[in-house]
Amino acid sequence: MALRRTDRDKPVEGSGLSRCLPSTARVEDERTAMALSDDHEIESLRAYLAQVNDPSVNPPVADARRAQAQYGTTVPLPAGIERTCVTLGSVPTERLSPDNTAQRAFLLLHSGGYSAGTAADHAALAAHLALTSDATGYVPEYRRAPEDPFPAALDDAMDAYRGLLQGGLPSNKIVVAGDSAGGGMAVAVAQQAGAWGLPKPAGIYVGRPHPDQRLLRRAWTVRPNAQPHFSAGSGWHVPQRCRPPMPDGIPCVWGLR
């Protein structure tokens, strides 16, 4: 039954804010609600930024670099590994090779949030992976932010991958690996290979990777406690240009712990 104007404009008892206010009052109500919502979001953002800028929560870059170097470089290399410095493309790189002549290789991109970490503090990890997989490991010293912002790190990773190919290794004998930020870059290297006119690698091996900064993939909901620092409710966000889509047709070993 059609409502008369007097019925439509009559407040509904017990509803708090009326669903049947005259149009002018209803607009004012909506504006008030939007203002309250905006105020809440602004205060939440201020609280988040205060935490981000708190040195006890997120240390300065120099401190983060020092801490990662201290624990990474103190791990001894396993026996049976030859460690040399080489250049892949134009990128200085640590080369970790088993005693035997390995016929395959992996490119290991180190962690550090794109601003910390070095090839040296991932040498021991690369050495253990090299022994386990019977492959030669390469850890490029890619450029880091803030001195060299995006896409410098990814450009160096692509340059190192191209250097392996130019050295005579076929793509089906190369795996791109990485942990944390390096895991995200490993995915990006595989995804970008075609755009650079390069064949895609044989596979990706990643640990605690950050390839989907929107936090939309099933890993965040299937194993919500696997990433204590970055969760769907953490508010952590990286701009759209830093979000590499998952590459098609490449085997990916995804190591969420």
C-alpha atoms as a PDB file:
ATOM      1  CA  MET A   1       0.000   0.000   0.000  1.00  0.00           C
ATOM      2  CA  ALA A   2       1.356   3.422  -0.902  1.00  0.00           C
ATOM      3  CA  LEU A   3       2.324   5.536   2.095  1.00  0.00           C
ATOM      4  CA  ARG A   4       0.886   8.967   2.539  1.00  0.00           C
ATOM      5  CA  ARG A   5       3.390  11.782   3.075  1.00  0.00           C
ATOM      6  CA  THR A   6       2.327  12.119   6.728  1.00  0.00           C
ATOM      7  CA  ASP A   7       3.072   8.406   7.273  1.00  0.00           C
ATOM      8  CA  ARG A   8       6.411   8.558   5.469  1.00  0.00           C
ATOM      9  CA  ASP A   9       7.601  11.520   7.505  1.00  0.00           C
ATOM     10  CA  LYS A  10       6.471  10.143  10.855  1.00  0.00           C
ATOM     11  CA  PRO A  11       9.383   9.004  13.096  1.00  0.00           C
ATOM     12  CA  VAL A  12       9.568   5.325  13.917  1.00  0.00           C
ATOM     13  CA  GLU A  13       9.381   4.831  17.677  1.00  0.00           C
ATOM     14  CA  GLY A  14      12.279   3.042  19.336  1.00  0.00           C
ATOM     15  CA  SER A  15      14.542   3.364  16.302  1.00  0.00           C
ATOM     16  CA  GLY A  16      16.980   5.929  17.719  1.00  0.00           C
ATOM     17  CA  LEU A  17      17.714   7.835  14.543  1.00  0.00           C
ATOM     18  CA  SER A  18      14.514   7.904  12.550  1.00  0.00           C
ATOM     19  CA  ARG A  19      14.332   6.047   9.258  1.00  0.00           C
ATOM     20  CA  CYS A  20      11.480   8.382   8.238  1.00  0.00           C
ATOM     21  CA  LEU A  21      12.855  11.871   8.797  1.00  0.00           C
ATOM     22  CA  PRO A  22      12.030  14.614   6.304  1.00  0.00           C
ATOM     23  CA  SER A  23      14.616  14.768   3.512  1.00  0.00           C
ATOM     24  CA  THR A  24      16.498  17.832   4.824  1.00  0.00           C
ATOM     25  CA  ALA A  25      16.933  16.323   8.281  1.00  0.00           C
ATOM     26  CA  ARG A  26      17.948  12.984   6.768  1.00  0.00           C
ATOM     27  CA  VAL A  27      20.723  14.692   4.742  1.00  0.00           C
ATOM     28  CA  GLU A  28      22.020  16.423   7.872  1.00  0.00           C
ATOM     29  CA  ASP A  29      22.019  13.064   9.674  1.00  0.00           C
ATOM     30  CA  GLU A  30      24.048  11.485   6.887  1.00  0.00           C
ATOM     31  CA  ARG A  31      26.533  14.356   6.926  1.00  0.00           C
ATOM     32  CA  THR A  32      26.984  14.015  10.679  1.00  0.00           C
ATOM     33  CA  ALA A  33      27.523  10.263  10.382  1.00  0.00           C
ATOM     34  CA  MET A  34      30.088  10.788   7.606  1.00  0.00           C
ATOM     35  CA  ALA A  35      31.924  13.406   9.679  1.00  0.00           C
ATOM     36  CA  LEU A  36      32.070  11.063  12.671  1.00  0.00           C
ATOM     37  CA  SER A  37      33.358   8.264  10.426  1.00  0.00           C
ATOM     38  CA  ASP A  38      36.027  10.563   8.946  1.00  0.00           C
ATOM     39  CA  ASP A  39      37.119  11.668  12.413  1.00  0.00           C
ATOM     40  CA  HIS A  40      37.460   8.043  13.492  1.00  0.00           C
ATOM     41  CA  GLU A  41      39.522   7.167  10.425  1.00  0.00           C
ATOM     42  CA  ILE A  42      41.777  10.192  10.916  1.00  0.00           C
ATOM     43  CA  GLU A  43      42.415   9.291  14.555  1.00  0.00           C
ATOM     44  CA  SER A  44      43.123   5.673  13.589  1.00  0.00           C
ATOM     45  CA  LEU A  45      45.574   6.846  10.924  1.00  0.00           C
ATOM     46  CA  ARG A  46      47.312   9.168  13.412  1.00  0.00           C
ATOM     47  CA  ALA A  47      47.683   6.319  15.887  1.00  0.00           C
ATOM     48  CA  TYR A  48      49.073   4.026  13.188  1.00  0.00           C
ATOM     49  CA  LEU A  49      51.566   6.633  11.953  1.00  0.00           C
ATOM     50  CA  ALA A  50      52.693   7.299  15.530  1.00  0.00           C
ATOM     51  CA  GLN A  51      53.437   3.601  15.872  1.00  0.00           C
ATOM     52  CA  VAL A  52      55.211   3.460  12.515  1.00  0.00           C
ATOM     53  CA  ASN A  53      57.407   6.400  13.536  1.00  0.00           C
ATOM     54  CA  ASP A  54      58.128   4.933  16.971  1.00  0.00           C
ATOM     55  CA  PRO A  55      61.788   3.768  16.936  1.00  0.00           C
ATOM     56  CA  SER A  56      60.935   1.019  19.413  1.00  0.00           C
ATOM     57  CA  VAL A  57      58.480  -0.463  16.894  1.00  0.00           C
ATOM     58  CA  ASN A  58      60.231   0.349  13.617  1.00  0.00           C
ATOM     59  CA  PRO A  59      63.909   1.153  14.169  1.00  0.00           C
ATOM     60  CA  PRO A  60      65.753   3.614  11.920  1.00  0.00           C
ATOM     61  CA  VAL A  61      67.137   2.142   8.715  1.00  0.00           C
ATOM     62  CA  ALA A  62      70.720   2.222   9.996  1.00  0.00           C
ATOM     63  CA  ASP A  63      69.744   0.239  13.107  1.00  0.00           C
ATOM     64  CA  ALA A  64      67.752  -2.301  11.077  1.00  0.00           C
ATOM     65  CA  ARG A  65      70.690  -2.804   8.741  1.00  0.00           C
ATOM     66  CA  ARG A  66      73.115  -3.216  11.635  1.00  0.00           C
ATOM     67  CA  ALA A  67      70.882  -5.741  13.392  1.00  0.00           C
ATOM     68  CA  GLN A  68      70.352  -7.860  10.277  1.00  0.00           C
ATOM     69  CA  ALA A  69      74.068  -7.832   9.489  1.00  0.00           C
ATOM     70  CA  GLN A  70      74.946  -8.891  13.036  1.00  0.00           C
ATOM     71  CA  TYR A  71      72.851 -12.037  13.025  1.00  0.00           C
ATOM     72  CA  GLY A  72      73.282 -12.864   9.351  1.00  0.00           C
ATOM     73  CA  THR A  73      77.048 -12.631   9.031  1.00  0.00           C
ATOM     74  CA  THR A  74      77.762 -14.581  12.228  1.00  0.00           C
ATOM     75  CA  VAL A  75      76.336 -17.807  10.798  1.00  0.00           C
ATOM     76  CA  PRO A  76      79.280 -19.955   9.603  1.00  0.00           C
ATOM     77  CA  LEU A  77      79.346 -21.394   6.123  1.00  0.00           C
ATOM     78  CA  PRO A  78      78.980 -25.178   5.914  1.00  0.00           C
ATOM     79  CA  ALA A  79      81.900 -27.285   4.744  1.00  0.00           C
ATOM     80  CA  GLY A  80      82.203 -28.073   1.070  1.00  0.00           C
ATOM     81  CA  ILE A  81      81.277 -24.614  -0.225  1.00  0.00           C
ATOM     82  CA  GLU A  82      83.382 -22.306  -2.367  1.00  0.00           C
ATOM     83  CA  ARG A  83      82.550 -18.624  -1.885  1.00  0.00           C
ATOM     84  CA  THR A  84      83.534 -16.086  -4.518  1.00  0.00           C
ATOM     85  CA  CYS A  85      82.495 -12.598  -5.614  1.00  0.00           C
ATOM     86  CA  VAL A  86      81.231 -12.242  -9.170  1.00  0.00           C
ATOM     87  CA  THR A  87      79.200  -9.775 -11.197  1.00  0.00           C
ATOM     88  CA  LEU A  88      75.872 -10.670 -12.766  1.00  0.00           C
ATOM     89  CA  GLY A  89      74.966  -8.054 -15.333  1.00  0.00           C
ATOM     90  CA  SER A  90      76.186  -5.007 -13.471  1.00  0.00           C
ATOM     91  CA  VAL A  91      75.279  -6.279  -9.997  1.00  0.00           C
ATOM     92  CA  PRO A  92      77.938  -7.390  -7.455  1.00  0.00           C
ATOM     93  CA  THR A  93      76.976 -10.903  -6.367  1.00  0.00           C
ATOM     94  CA  GLU A  94      78.021 -13.549  -3.837  1.00  0.00           C
ATOM     95  CA  ARG A  95      78.519 -16.947  -5.470  1.00  0.00           C
ATOM     96  CA  LEU A  96      78.181 -20.064  -3.291  1.00  0.00           C
ATOM     97  CA  SER A  97      79.129 -23.260  -5.059  1.00  0.00           C
ATOM     98  CA  PRO A  98      79.303 -26.899  -3.899  1.00  0.00           C
ATOM     99  CA  ASP A  99      82.535 -28.845  -4.422  1.00  0.00           C
ATOM    100  CA  ASN A 100      81.189 -30.495  -7.539  1.00  0.00           C
ATOM    101  CA  THR A 101      80.388 -28.584 -10.706  1.00  0.00           C
ATOM    102  CA  ALA A 102      76.694 -27.861 -10.388  1.00  0.00           C
ATOM    103  CA  GLN A 103      74.704 -27.830 -13.611  1.00  0.00           C
ATOM    104  CA  ARG A 104      71.912 -25.672 -12.228  1.00  0.00           C
ATOM    105  CA  ALA A 105      71.600 -22.486 -10.190  1.00  0.00           C
ATOM    106  CA  PHE A 106      69.344 -20.354  -8.066  1.00  0.00           C
ATOM    107  CA  LEU A 107      69.177 -16.618  -7.602  1.00  0.00           C
ATOM    108  CA  LEU A 108      68.553 -15.778  -3.924  1.00  0.00           C
ATOM    109  CA  LEU A 109      67.105 -12.331  -3.203  1.00  0.00           C
ATOM    110  CA  HIS A 110      67.650 -11.351   0.407  1.00  0.00           C
ATOM    111  CA  SER A 111      65.108 -10.003   2.884  1.00  0.00           C
ATOM    112  CA  GLY A 112      65.189  -6.631   4.635  1.00  0.00           C
ATOM    113  CA  GLY A 113      62.084  -4.725   3.614  1.00  0.00           C
ATOM    114  CA  TYR A 114      63.870  -3.353   0.524  1.00  0.00           C
ATOM    115  CA  SER A 115      65.949  -1.131   2.830  1.00  0.00           C
ATOM    116  CA  ALA A 116      68.105  -3.522   4.893  1.00  0.00           C
ATOM    117  CA  GLY A 117      69.925  -6.809   4.392  1.00  0.00           C
ATOM    118  CA  THR A 118      72.942  -7.652   2.246  1.00  0.00           C
ATOM    119  CA  ALA A 119      74.229 -10.495   0.120  1.00  0.00           C
ATOM    120  CA  ALA A 120      76.753 -11.267   2.871  1.00  0.00           C
ATOM    121  CA  ASP A 121      74.151 -11.854   5.568  1.00  0.00           C
ATOM    122  CA  HIS A 122      72.403 -14.392   3.304  1.00  0.00           C
ATOM    123  CA  ALA A 123      75.565 -16.213   2.233  1.00  0.00           C
ATOM    124  CA  ALA A 124      75.155 -18.993   4.799  1.00  0.00           C
ATOM    125  CA  LEU A 125      71.522 -19.564   3.810  1.00  0.00           C
ATOM    126  CA  ALA A 126      72.537 -19.694   0.154  1.00  0.00           C
ATOM    127  CA  ALA A 127      75.334 -22.146   0.987  1.00  0.00           C
ATOM    128  CA  HIS A 128      72.980 -24.550   2.758  1.00  0.00           C
ATOM    129  CA  LEU A 129      70.487 -24.313  -0.095  1.00  0.00           C
ATOM    130  CA  ALA A 130      73.294 -24.949  -2.586  1.00  0.00           C
ATOM    131  CA  LEU A 131      74.365 -28.133  -0.797  1.00  0.00           C
ATOM    132  CA  THR A 132      70.797 -29.360  -0.386  1.00  0.00           C
ATOM    133  CA  SER A 133      69.774 -28.707  -3.986  1.00  0.00           C
ATOM    134  CA  ASP A 134      73.111 -29.505  -5.638  1.00  0.00           C
ATOM    135  CA  ALA A 135      73.036 -26.117  -7.324  1.00  0.00           C
ATOM    136  CA  THR A 136      75.156 -22.977  -7.360  1.00  0.00           C
ATOM    137  CA  GLY A 137      73.686 -20.101  -5.400  1.00  0.00           C
ATOM    138  CA  TYR A 138      73.938 -16.459  -6.415  1.00  0.00           C
ATOM    139  CA  VAL A 139      73.019 -13.660  -3.982  1.00  0.00           C
ATOM    140  CA  PRO A 140      72.966 -10.245  -5.701  1.00  0.00           C
ATOM    141  CA  GLU A 141      73.783  -7.062  -3.787  1.00  0.00           C
ATOM    142  CA  TYR A 142      70.768  -5.189  -5.097  1.00  0.00           C
ATOM    143  CA  ARG A 143      70.302  -1.505  -4.391  1.00  0.00           C
ATOM    144  CA  ARG A 144      68.170  -0.559  -1.394  1.00  0.00           C
ATOM    145  CA  ALA A 145      65.858   2.250  -0.364  1.00  0.00           C
ATOM    146  CA  PRO A 146      65.895   5.022   0.700  1.00  0.00           C
ATOM    147  CA  GLU A 147      69.116   5.775  -1.181  1.00  0.00           C
ATOM    148  CA  ASP A 148      67.806   4.003  -4.268  1.00  0.00           C
ATOM    149  CA  PRO A 149      63.987   3.792  -4.201  1.00  0.00           C
ATOM    150  CA  PHE A 150      61.713   1.533  -6.245  1.00  0.00           C
ATOM    151  CA  PRO A 151      62.238   0.190  -8.864  1.00  0.00           C
ATOM    152  CA  ALA A 152      66.029   0.079  -8.314  1.00  0.00           C
ATOM    153  CA  ALA A 153      65.968  -3.214  -6.376  1.00  0.00           C
ATOM    154  CA  LEU A 154      63.758  -4.944  -8.945  1.00  0.00           C
ATOM    155  CA  ASP A 155      65.866  -3.593 -11.814  1.00  0.00           C
ATOM    156  CA  ASP A 156      68.987  -5.078 -10.192  1.00  0.00           C
ATOM    157  CA  ALA A 157      67.246  -8.415  -9.614  1.00  0.00           C
ATOM    158  CA  MET A 158      66.216  -8.522 -13.272  1.00  0.00           C
ATOM    159  CA  ASP A 159      69.750  -7.552 -14.325  1.00  0.00           C
ATOM    160  CA  ALA A 160      71.204 -10.380 -12.217  1.00  0.00           C
ATOM    161  CA  TYR A 161      68.747 -12.904 -13.671  1.00  0.00           C
ATOM    162  CA  ARG A 162      69.633 -11.786 -17.187  1.00  0.00           C
ATOM    163  CA  GLY A 163      73.316 -12.120 -16.249  1.00  0.00           C
ATOM    164  CA  LEU A 164      72.788 -15.783 -15.362  1.00  0.00           C
ATOM    165  CA  LEU A 165      71.157 -16.385 -18.734  1.00  0.00           C
ATOM    166  CA  GLN A 166      73.906 -14.558 -20.572  1.00  0.00           C
ATOM    167  CA  GLY A 167      76.448 -16.701 -18.719  1.00  0.00           C
ATOM    168  CA  GLY A 168      75.120 -19.747 -20.533  1.00  0.00           C
ATOM    169  CA  LEU A 169      72.633 -21.218 -18.055  1.00  0.00           C
ATOM    170  CA  PRO A 170      69.297 -22.134 -19.652  1.00  0.00           C
ATOM    171  CA  SER A 171      66.206 -20.792 -17.921  1.00  0.00           C
ATOM    172  CA  ASN A 172      64.958 -24.322 -17.163  1.00  0.00           C
ATOM    173  CA  LYS A 173      68.004 -24.745 -14.889  1.00  0.00           C
ATOM    174  CA  ILE A 174      67.397 -21.572 -12.877  1.00  0.00           C
ATOM    175  CA  VAL A 175      65.144 -21.067  -9.851  1.00  0.00           C
ATOM    176  CA  VAL A 176      64.554 -17.593  -8.401  1.00  0.00           C
ATOM    177  CA  ALA A 177      64.361 -17.666  -4.602  1.00  0.00           C
ATOM    178  CA  GLY A 178      63.898 -15.166  -1.801  1.00  0.00           C
ATOM    179  CA  ASP A 179      62.566 -14.569   1.678  1.00  0.00           C
ATOM    180  CA  SER A 180      60.273 -11.803   2.907  1.00  0.00           C
ATOM    181  CA  ALA A 181      60.795  -8.791   0.622  1.00  0.00           C
ATOM    182  CA  GLY A 182      63.150 -10.938  -1.445  1.00  0.00           C
ATOM    183  CA  GLY A 183      60.327 -13.454  -1.868  1.00  0.00           C
ATOM    184  CA  GLY A 184      58.122 -10.730  -3.273  1.00  0.00           C
ATOM    185  CA  MET A 185      60.882  -9.762  -5.679  1.00  0.00           C
ATOM    186  CA  ALA A 186      61.377 -13.372  -6.737  1.00  0.00           C
ATOM    187  CA  VAL A 187      57.738 -13.461  -7.810  1.00  0.00           C
ATOM    188  CA  ALA A 188      58.181 -10.108  -9.555  1.00  0.00           C
ATOM    189  CA  VAL A 189      61.254 -11.325 -11.457  1.00  0.00           C
ATOM    190  CA  ALA A 190      59.327 -14.314 -12.805  1.00  0.00           C
ATOM    191  CA  GLN A 191      56.368 -12.113 -13.688  1.00  0.00           C
ATOM    192  CA  GLN A 192      58.503  -9.436 -15.370  1.00  0.00           C
ATOM    193  CA  ALA A 193      60.765 -11.802 -17.326  1.00  0.00           C
ATOM    194  CA  GLY A 194      58.524 -11.741 -20.389  1.00  0.00           C
ATOM    195  CA  ALA A 195      58.314  -7.948 -20.359  1.00  0.00           C
ATOM    196  CA  TRP A 196      62.117  -7.847 -20.416  1.00  0.00           C
ATOM    197  CA  GLY A 197      62.218 -10.258 -23.337  1.00  0.00           C
ATOM    198  CA  LEU A 198      63.642 -13.048 -21.172  1.00  0.00           C
ATOM    199  CA  PRO A 199      62.498 -16.660 -20.720  1.00  0.00           C
ATOM    200  CA  LYS A 200      60.800 -17.406 -17.426  1.00  0.00           C
ATOM    201  CA  PRO A 201      62.712 -19.328 -14.745  1.00  0.00           C
ATOM    202  CA  ALA A 202      62.054 -22.993 -14.012  1.00  0.00           C
ATOM    203  CA  GLY A 203      60.461 -22.163 -10.680  1.00  0.00           C
ATOM    204  CA  ILE A 204      60.201 -19.921  -7.637  1.00  0.00           C
ATOM    205  CA  TYR A 205      61.243 -20.848  -4.084  1.00  0.00           C
ATOM    206  CA  VAL A 206      60.047 -18.340  -1.486  1.00  0.00           C
ATOM    207  CA  GLY A 207      59.892 -18.122   2.301  1.00  0.00           C
ATOM    208  CA  ARG A 208      57.445 -15.805   4.089  1.00  0.00           C
ATOM    209  CA  PRO A 209      57.056 -13.845   0.843  1.00  0.00           C
ATOM    210  CA  HIS A 210      55.320 -10.503   0.444  1.00  0.00           C
ATOM    211  CA  PRO A 211      54.173 -10.605  -3.180  1.00  0.00           C
ATOM    212  CA  ASP A 212      50.572  -9.511  -2.565  1.00  0.00           C
ATOM    213  CA  GLN A 213      50.652  -6.330  -0.488  1.00  0.00           C
ATOM    214  CA  ARG A 214      46.859  -6.050  -0.667  1.00  0.00           C
ATOM    215  CA  LEU A 215      46.622  -9.092   1.644  1.00  0.00           C
ATOM    216  CA  LEU A 216      43.850 -10.572  -0.479  1.00  0.00           C
ATOM    217  CA  ARG A 217      45.223 -14.027  -1.234  1.00  0.00           C
ATOM    218  CA  ARG A 218      43.992 -17.164   0.524  1.00  0.00           C
ATOM    219  CA  ALA A 219      47.208 -17.586   2.534  1.00  0.00           C
ATOM    220  CA  TRP A 220      46.164 -14.687   4.760  1.00  0.00           C
ATOM    221  CA  THR A 221      42.861 -16.344   5.652  1.00  0.00           C
ATOM    222  CA  VAL A 222      43.835 -20.023   5.539  1.00  0.00           C
ATOM    223  CA  ARG A 223      46.819 -19.425   7.847  1.00  0.00           C
ATOM    224  CA  PRO A 224      46.080 -16.065   9.506  1.00  0.00           C
ATOM    225  CA  ASN A 225      48.718 -16.494  12.227  1.00  0.00           C
ATOM    226  CA  ALA A 226      51.543 -17.393   9.854  1.00  0.00           C
ATOM    227  CA  GLN A 227      52.508 -13.741   9.388  1.00  0.00           C
ATOM    228  CA  PRO A 228      52.454 -12.088  12.838  1.00  0.00           C
ATOM    229  CA  HIS A 229      53.858  -8.774  11.591  1.00  0.00           C
ATOM    230  CA  PHE A 230      51.648  -8.332   8.534  1.00  0.00           C
ATOM    231  CA  SER A 231      48.056  -9.454   8.699  1.00  0.00           C
ATOM    232  CA  ALA A 232      44.856  -8.488   6.972  1.00  0.00           C
ATOM    233  CA  GLY A 233      44.029  -6.198   9.901  1.00  0.00           C
ATOM    234  CA  SER A 234      47.444  -4.648  10.373  1.00  0.00           C
ATOM    235  CA  GLY A 235      46.883  -1.748   8.011  1.00  0.00           C
ATOM    236  CA  TRP A 236      50.171  -2.508   6.272  1.00  0.00           C
ATOM    237  CA  HIS A 237      50.050  -1.233   2.730  1.00  0.00           C
ATOM    238  CA  VAL A 238      52.329  -0.800  -0.263  1.00  0.00           C
ATOM    239  CA  PRO A 239      51.383   1.323  -3.301  1.00  0.00           C
ATOM    240  CA  GLN A 240      49.815  -0.302  -6.338  1.00  0.00           C
ATOM    241  CA  ARG A 241      53.012   0.003  -8.383  1.00  0.00           C
ATOM    242  CA  CYS A 242      54.784  -2.322  -5.924  1.00  0.00           C
ATOM    243  CA  ARG A 243      52.278  -5.175  -6.221  1.00  0.00           C
ATOM    244  CA  PRO A 244      53.499  -7.837  -8.633  1.00  0.00           C
ATOM    245  CA  PRO A 245      50.738 -10.177  -9.813  1.00  0.00           C
ATOM    246  CA  MET A 246      51.456 -13.888  -9.492  1.00  0.00           C
ATOM    247  CA  PRO A 247      53.101 -15.237 -12.663  1.00  0.00           C
ATOM    248  CA  ASP A 248      51.311 -17.886 -14.678  1.00  0.00           C
ATOM    249  CA  GLY A 249      52.819 -21.231 -15.615  1.00  0.00           C
ATOM    250  CA  ILE A 250      55.689 -21.218 -13.094  1.00  0.00           C
ATOM    251  CA  PRO A 251      55.930 -23.743 -10.229  1.00  0.00           C
ATOM    252  CA  CYS A 252      56.041 -21.900  -6.914  1.00  0.00           C
ATOM    253  CA  VAL A 253      57.082 -23.370  -3.557  1.00  0.00           C
ATOM    254  CA  TRP A 254      55.431 -21.097  -1.008  1.00  0.00           C
ATOM    255  CA  GLY A 255      56.976 -21.311   2.456  1.00  0.00           C
ATOM    256  CA  LEU A 256      54.724 -19.715   5.048  1.00  0.00           C
ATOM    257  CA  ARG A 257      55.828 -20.726   8.539  1.00  0.00           C
END
